[in-house]
Amino acid sequence: MELDLDYELWPFYDVIVGDKYVIGIVRASNQRAYVWHRESGRFLGEMMPYGKGPGEAINVGSAVFIDDSTALLFDMGLSRATVYRLTPDGFSFDDVIDTAAWSSGAI
């Protein structure tokens, strides 16, 4: 697997390798997530999680693939998970899930 890493995105805090995509979480002032198409190695961009309000600082704590074209980015400080749909040409925001309900048993 070869990825286009010519973006000075270092150091990686975590790397999540899925069947079709790779997500790299970079440790910076705010942890950010970047995604690559695995087969082509093409860099698709930064997946920005959505906060509770405009301009709110967010940190990607972890990420997971729920199928071969859907990823969740977690910010446990804000109790949010952001859902993204992935394609070989890019990705799109799909939804925000309030993860506070997960720990309260309200789901």
N, C-alpha and C. Protein backbone atom coordinates (compact mmCIF):
# COMPACT_ATOMS: atom_id res chain seq x y z
N MET A 1 0.85 -1.17 0.00
CA MET A 1 0.00 0.00 0.00
C MET A 1 0.90 1.23 0.00
N GLU A 2 0.72 2.10 -0.97
CA GLU A 2 1.46 3.35 -1.03
C GLU A 2 0.47 4.51 -0.95
N LEU A 3 0.76 5.45 -0.06
CA LEU A 3 -0.10 6.62 0.11
C LEU A 3 0.66 7.88 -0.26
N ASP A 4 -0.05 8.83 -0.83
CA ASP A 4 0.51 10.13 -1.15
C ASP A 4 0.62 10.92 0.16
N LEU A 5 1.84 10.97 0.72
CA LEU A 5 2.03 11.61 2.02
C LEU A 5 2.76 12.95 1.92
N ASP A 6 2.72 13.56 0.78
CA ASP A 6 3.45 14.80 0.56
C ASP A 6 2.67 16.02 1.06
N TYR A 7 2.23 15.97 2.30
CA TYR A 7 1.43 17.07 2.85
C TYR A 7 1.93 17.54 4.21
N GLU A 8 3.10 17.04 4.67
CA GLU A 8 3.70 17.41 5.95
C GLU A 8 2.72 17.24 7.10
N LEU A 9 1.99 16.14 7.11
CA LEU A 9 1.01 15.86 8.15
C LEU A 9 1.63 14.93 9.19
N TRP A 10 2.42 15.48 10.08
CA TRP A 10 3.13 14.66 11.06
C TRP A 10 3.00 15.29 12.43
N PRO A 11 3.18 14.56 13.50
CA PRO A 11 3.24 13.09 13.53
C PRO A 11 1.83 12.50 13.61
N PHE A 12 1.69 11.30 13.11
CA PHE A 12 0.40 10.62 13.20
C PHE A 12 0.20 10.10 14.62
N TYR A 13 -0.94 10.41 15.17
CA TYR A 13 -1.34 9.93 16.49
C TYR A 13 -1.90 8.51 16.36
N ASP A 14 -2.64 8.27 15.29
CA ASP A 14 -3.26 6.97 15.05
C ASP A 14 -3.51 6.83 13.55
N VAL A 15 -3.50 5.61 13.07
CA VAL A 15 -3.81 5.31 11.67
C VAL A 15 -4.83 4.19 11.66
N ILE A 16 -5.95 4.40 10.99
CA ILE A 16 -7.01 3.40 10.89
C ILE A 16 -7.05 2.95 9.43
N VAL A 17 -6.79 1.66 9.22
CA VAL A 17 -6.73 1.11 7.87
C VAL A 17 -7.99 0.29 7.62
N GLY A 18 -8.79 0.73 6.65
CA GLY A 18 -9.99 0.00 6.26
C GLY A 18 -9.76 -0.73 4.96
N ASP A 19 -10.79 -1.41 4.47
CA ASP A 19 -10.68 -2.15 3.21
C ASP A 19 -10.41 -1.23 2.03
N LYS A 20 -11.02 -0.04 2.01
CA LYS A 20 -10.88 0.87 0.86
C LYS A 20 -10.22 2.20 1.19
N TYR A 21 -10.16 2.58 2.46
CA TYR A 21 -9.66 3.90 2.84
C TYR A 21 -8.73 3.80 4.05
N VAL A 22 -7.91 4.82 4.22
CA VAL A 22 -7.02 4.94 5.37
C VAL A 22 -7.25 6.31 5.99
N ILE A 23 -7.45 6.33 7.31
CA ILE A 23 -7.60 7.59 8.04
C ILE A 23 -6.37 7.76 8.93
N GLY A 24 -5.75 8.92 8.83
CA GLY A 24 -4.63 9.25 9.71
C GLY A 24 -5.03 10.40 10.61
N ILE A 25 -4.85 10.21 11.92
CA ILE A 25 -5.15 11.27 12.88
C ILE A 25 -3.83 11.91 13.27
N VAL A 26 -3.73 13.22 13.07
CA VAL A 26 -2.50 13.96 13.30
C VAL A 26 -2.60 14.71 14.63
N ARG A 27 -1.56 14.58 15.42
CA ARG A 27 -1.51 15.31 16.69
C ARG A 27 -0.97 16.71 16.41
N ALA A 28 -1.78 17.71 16.67
CA ALA A 28 -1.41 19.11 16.49
C ALA A 28 -2.08 19.90 17.60
N SER A 29 -2.24 21.19 17.44
CA SER A 29 -2.94 21.96 18.47
C SER A 29 -4.36 21.42 18.65
N ASN A 30 -4.98 21.04 17.57
CA ASN A 30 -6.23 20.26 17.59
C ASN A 30 -5.98 19.04 16.74
N GLN A 31 -6.32 17.86 17.24
CA GLN A 31 -6.10 16.65 16.47
C GLN A 31 -7.02 16.64 15.27
N ARG A 32 -6.48 16.38 14.12
CA ARG A 32 -7.22 16.40 12.87
C ARG A 32 -7.14 15.05 12.19
N ALA A 33 -8.13 14.75 11.35
CA ALA A 33 -8.17 13.48 10.62
C ALA A 33 -8.07 13.75 9.12
N TYR A 34 -7.26 12.95 8.45
CA TYR A 34 -7.07 13.05 7.01
C TYR A 34 -7.34 11.68 6.41
N VAL A 35 -7.81 11.66 5.17
CA VAL A 35 -8.21 10.39 4.57
C VAL A 35 -7.56 10.21 3.20
N TRP A 36 -7.22 8.95 2.91
CA TRP A 36 -6.64 8.55 1.63
C TRP A 36 -7.45 7.39 1.06
N HIS A 37 -7.55 7.33 -0.26
CA HIS A 37 -8.12 6.17 -0.94
C HIS A 37 -7.02 5.12 -1.00
N ARG A 38 -7.28 3.96 -0.45
CA ARG A 38 -6.23 2.96 -0.26
C ARG A 38 -5.67 2.42 -1.58
N GLU A 39 -6.53 2.06 -2.53
CA GLU A 39 -6.08 1.44 -3.78
C GLU A 39 -5.20 2.38 -4.60
N SER A 40 -5.61 3.64 -4.73
CA SER A 40 -4.85 4.59 -5.55
C SER A 40 -3.79 5.33 -4.75
N GLY A 41 -3.93 5.36 -3.41
CA GLY A 41 -3.03 6.12 -2.57
C GLY A 41 -3.33 7.60 -2.56
N ARG A 42 -4.40 8.00 -3.25
CA ARG A 42 -4.75 9.42 -3.43
C ARG A 42 -5.21 10.06 -2.12
N PHE A 43 -4.66 11.23 -1.82
CA PHE A 43 -5.05 12.02 -0.66
C PHE A 43 -6.39 12.67 -0.96
N LEU A 44 -7.39 12.45 -0.08
CA LEU A 44 -8.73 13.00 -0.30
C LEU A 44 -9.00 14.26 0.51
N GLY A 45 -8.23 14.51 1.56
CA GLY A 45 -8.39 15.75 2.31
C GLY A 45 -8.60 15.56 3.79
N GLU A 46 -8.90 16.68 4.45
CA GLU A 46 -9.14 16.69 5.89
C GLU A 46 -10.62 16.48 6.17
N MET A 47 -10.92 15.52 7.03
CA MET A 47 -12.30 15.30 7.46
C MET A 47 -12.48 16.08 8.76
N MET A 48 -13.20 17.17 8.66
CA MET A 48 -13.39 18.06 9.80
C MET A 48 -14.64 17.68 10.56
N PRO A 49 -14.49 17.31 11.83
CA PRO A 49 -15.68 16.99 12.61
C PRO A 49 -16.48 18.26 12.91
N TYR A 50 -17.75 18.10 13.13
CA TYR A 50 -18.63 19.23 13.40
C TYR A 50 -18.87 19.34 14.89
N GLY A 51 -18.72 20.55 15.44
CA GLY A 51 -18.93 20.78 16.86
C GLY A 51 -20.36 21.18 17.16
N LYS A 52 -20.57 21.58 18.40
CA LYS A 52 -21.91 21.97 18.83
C LYS A 52 -22.27 23.39 18.39
N GLY A 53 -21.25 24.22 18.16
CA GLY A 53 -21.52 25.59 17.77
C GLY A 53 -20.47 26.10 16.80
N PRO A 54 -20.73 27.24 16.14
CA PRO A 54 -19.79 27.79 15.16
C PRO A 54 -18.44 28.12 15.80
N GLY A 55 -17.37 27.75 15.13
CA GLY A 55 -16.03 28.07 15.58
C GLY A 55 -15.55 27.28 16.78
N GLU A 56 -16.29 26.29 17.19
CA GLU A 56 -15.92 25.51 18.35
C GLU A 56 -14.71 24.63 18.04
N ALA A 57 -13.73 24.63 18.92
CA ALA A 57 -12.54 23.79 18.72
C ALA A 57 -12.91 22.33 18.92
N ILE A 58 -12.45 21.52 18.02
CA ILE A 58 -12.76 20.10 18.08
C ILE A 58 -11.48 19.30 17.92
N ASN A 59 -11.44 18.15 18.55
CA ASN A 59 -10.30 17.24 18.46
C ASN A 59 -10.80 15.86 18.09
N VAL A 60 -10.21 15.29 17.06
CA VAL A 60 -10.56 13.92 16.69
C VAL A 60 -9.79 13.00 17.62
N GLY A 61 -10.51 12.31 18.49
CA GLY A 61 -9.88 11.39 19.43
C GLY A 61 -9.67 10.03 18.83
N SER A 62 -10.59 9.62 17.98
CA SER A 62 -10.48 8.32 17.33
C SER A 62 -11.43 8.29 16.13
N ALA A 63 -11.29 7.26 15.35
CA ALA A 63 -12.14 7.07 14.17
C ALA A 63 -12.35 5.58 13.97
N VAL A 64 -13.42 5.25 13.27
CA VAL A 64 -13.71 3.85 12.98
C VAL A 64 -14.48 3.78 11.67
N PHE A 65 -14.26 2.71 10.92
CA PHE A 65 -15.06 2.44 9.73
C PHE A 65 -16.23 1.57 10.15
N ILE A 66 -17.45 1.96 9.76
CA ILE A 66 -18.61 1.12 10.08
C ILE A 66 -19.02 0.26 8.89
N ASP A 67 -18.53 0.60 7.71
CA ASP A 67 -18.60 -0.27 6.54
C ASP A 67 -17.52 0.22 5.58
N ASP A 68 -17.48 -0.30 4.36
CA ASP A 68 -16.36 0.05 3.48
C ASP A 68 -16.41 1.47 2.92
N SER A 69 -17.50 2.21 3.16
CA SER A 69 -17.57 3.58 2.65
C SER A 69 -18.16 4.57 3.66
N THR A 70 -18.16 4.21 4.95
CA THR A 70 -18.68 5.09 5.99
C THR A 70 -17.73 5.11 7.17
N ALA A 71 -17.40 6.31 7.64
CA ALA A 71 -16.50 6.46 8.78
C ALA A 71 -17.15 7.34 9.84
N LEU A 72 -16.82 7.05 11.10
CA LEU A 72 -17.22 7.89 12.23
C LEU A 72 -15.96 8.51 12.82
N LEU A 73 -15.98 9.83 13.06
CA LEU A 73 -14.91 10.51 13.77
C LEU A 73 -15.45 10.89 15.14
N PHE A 74 -14.70 10.57 16.19
CA PHE A 74 -15.17 10.81 17.55
C PHE A 74 -14.43 11.96 18.21
N ASP A 75 -15.18 12.83 18.86
CA ASP A 75 -14.65 13.84 19.77
C ASP A 75 -15.39 13.61 21.08
N MET A 76 -14.76 12.86 21.97
CA MET A 76 -15.44 12.49 23.21
C MET A 76 -15.55 13.68 24.17
N GLY A 77 -14.68 14.69 24.03
CA GLY A 77 -14.79 15.89 24.85
C GLY A 77 -16.10 16.62 24.60
N LEU A 78 -16.54 16.62 23.35
CA LEU A 78 -17.80 17.26 22.98
C LEU A 78 -18.96 16.27 22.91
N SER A 79 -18.67 15.00 23.18
CA SER A 79 -19.68 13.94 23.08
C SER A 79 -20.35 13.94 21.71
N ARG A 80 -19.51 13.94 20.67
CA ARG A 80 -20.00 13.96 19.29
C ARG A 80 -19.29 12.92 18.44
N ALA A 81 -20.02 12.36 17.51
CA ALA A 81 -19.44 11.53 16.46
C ALA A 81 -19.95 12.10 15.14
N THR A 82 -19.04 12.31 14.21
CA THR A 82 -19.40 12.84 12.90
C THR A 82 -19.35 11.71 11.88
N VAL A 83 -20.40 11.59 11.08
CA VAL A 83 -20.50 10.51 10.09
C VAL A 83 -20.10 11.06 8.72
N TYR A 84 -19.20 10.34 8.04
CA TYR A 84 -18.78 10.71 6.69
C TYR A 84 -19.01 9.56 5.73
N ARG A 85 -19.45 9.88 4.51
CA ARG A 85 -19.55 8.92 3.41
C ARG A 85 -18.32 9.12 2.53
N LEU A 86 -17.64 8.04 2.18
CA LEU A 86 -16.40 8.10 1.43
C LEU A 86 -16.57 7.53 0.03
N THR A 87 -15.93 8.18 -0.95
CA THR A 87 -15.86 7.67 -2.32
C THR A 87 -14.41 7.81 -2.78
N PRO A 88 -14.01 7.12 -3.85
CA PRO A 88 -12.64 7.27 -4.35
C PRO A 88 -12.31 8.71 -4.76
N ASP A 89 -13.33 9.54 -5.01
CA ASP A 89 -13.11 10.92 -5.44
C ASP A 89 -13.17 11.93 -4.30
N GLY A 90 -13.57 11.50 -3.11
CA GLY A 90 -13.68 12.42 -2.00
C GLY A 90 -14.57 11.88 -0.90
N PHE A 91 -15.17 12.77 -0.15
CA PHE A 91 -16.03 12.37 0.95
C PHE A 91 -17.06 13.47 1.19
N SER A 92 -18.11 13.12 1.92
CA SER A 92 -19.13 14.12 2.24
C SER A 92 -19.61 13.91 3.66
N PHE A 93 -19.95 15.01 4.31
CA PHE A 93 -20.52 14.99 5.65
C PHE A 93 -21.92 14.39 5.55
N ASP A 94 -22.26 13.53 6.51
CA ASP A 94 -23.57 12.90 6.49
C ASP A 94 -24.42 13.27 7.70
N ASP A 95 -23.83 13.25 8.91
CA ASP A 95 -24.63 13.46 10.11
C ASP A 95 -23.72 13.67 11.31
N VAL A 96 -24.31 14.19 12.40
CA VAL A 96 -23.63 14.29 13.69
C VAL A 96 -24.46 13.50 14.69
N ILE A 97 -23.79 12.68 15.47
CA ILE A 97 -24.46 11.86 16.48
C ILE A 97 -24.05 12.36 17.86
N ASP A 98 -25.01 12.56 18.74
CA ASP A 98 -24.72 12.95 20.12
C ASP A 98 -24.37 11.68 20.89
N THR A 99 -23.09 11.50 21.18
CA THR A 99 -22.66 10.26 21.85
C THR A 99 -22.91 10.27 23.34
N ALA A 100 -23.34 11.40 23.91
CA ALA A 100 -23.68 11.42 25.33
C ALA A 100 -24.82 10.44 25.61
N ALA A 101 -25.70 10.27 24.64
CA ALA A 101 -26.81 9.33 24.79
C ALA A 101 -26.31 7.89 24.88
N TRP A 102 -25.17 7.61 24.26
CA TRP A 102 -24.63 6.25 24.30
C TRP A 102 -24.30 5.82 25.72
N SER A 103 -23.72 6.74 26.50
CA SER A 103 -23.32 6.37 27.86
C SER A 103 -24.49 6.43 28.83
N SER A 104 -25.56 7.12 28.48
CA SER A 104 -26.69 7.24 29.39
C SER A 104 -27.70 6.12 29.20
N GLY A 105 -27.50 5.29 28.18
CA GLY A 105 -28.44 4.21 27.92
C GLY A 105 -29.72 4.68 27.26
N ALA A 106 -29.73 5.91 26.72
CA ALA A 106 -30.94 6.48 26.14
C ALA A 106 -31.16 6.10 24.68
N ILE A 107 -30.28 5.32 24.12
CA ILE A 107 -30.43 4.97 22.70
C ILE A 107 -31.53 3.94 22.54
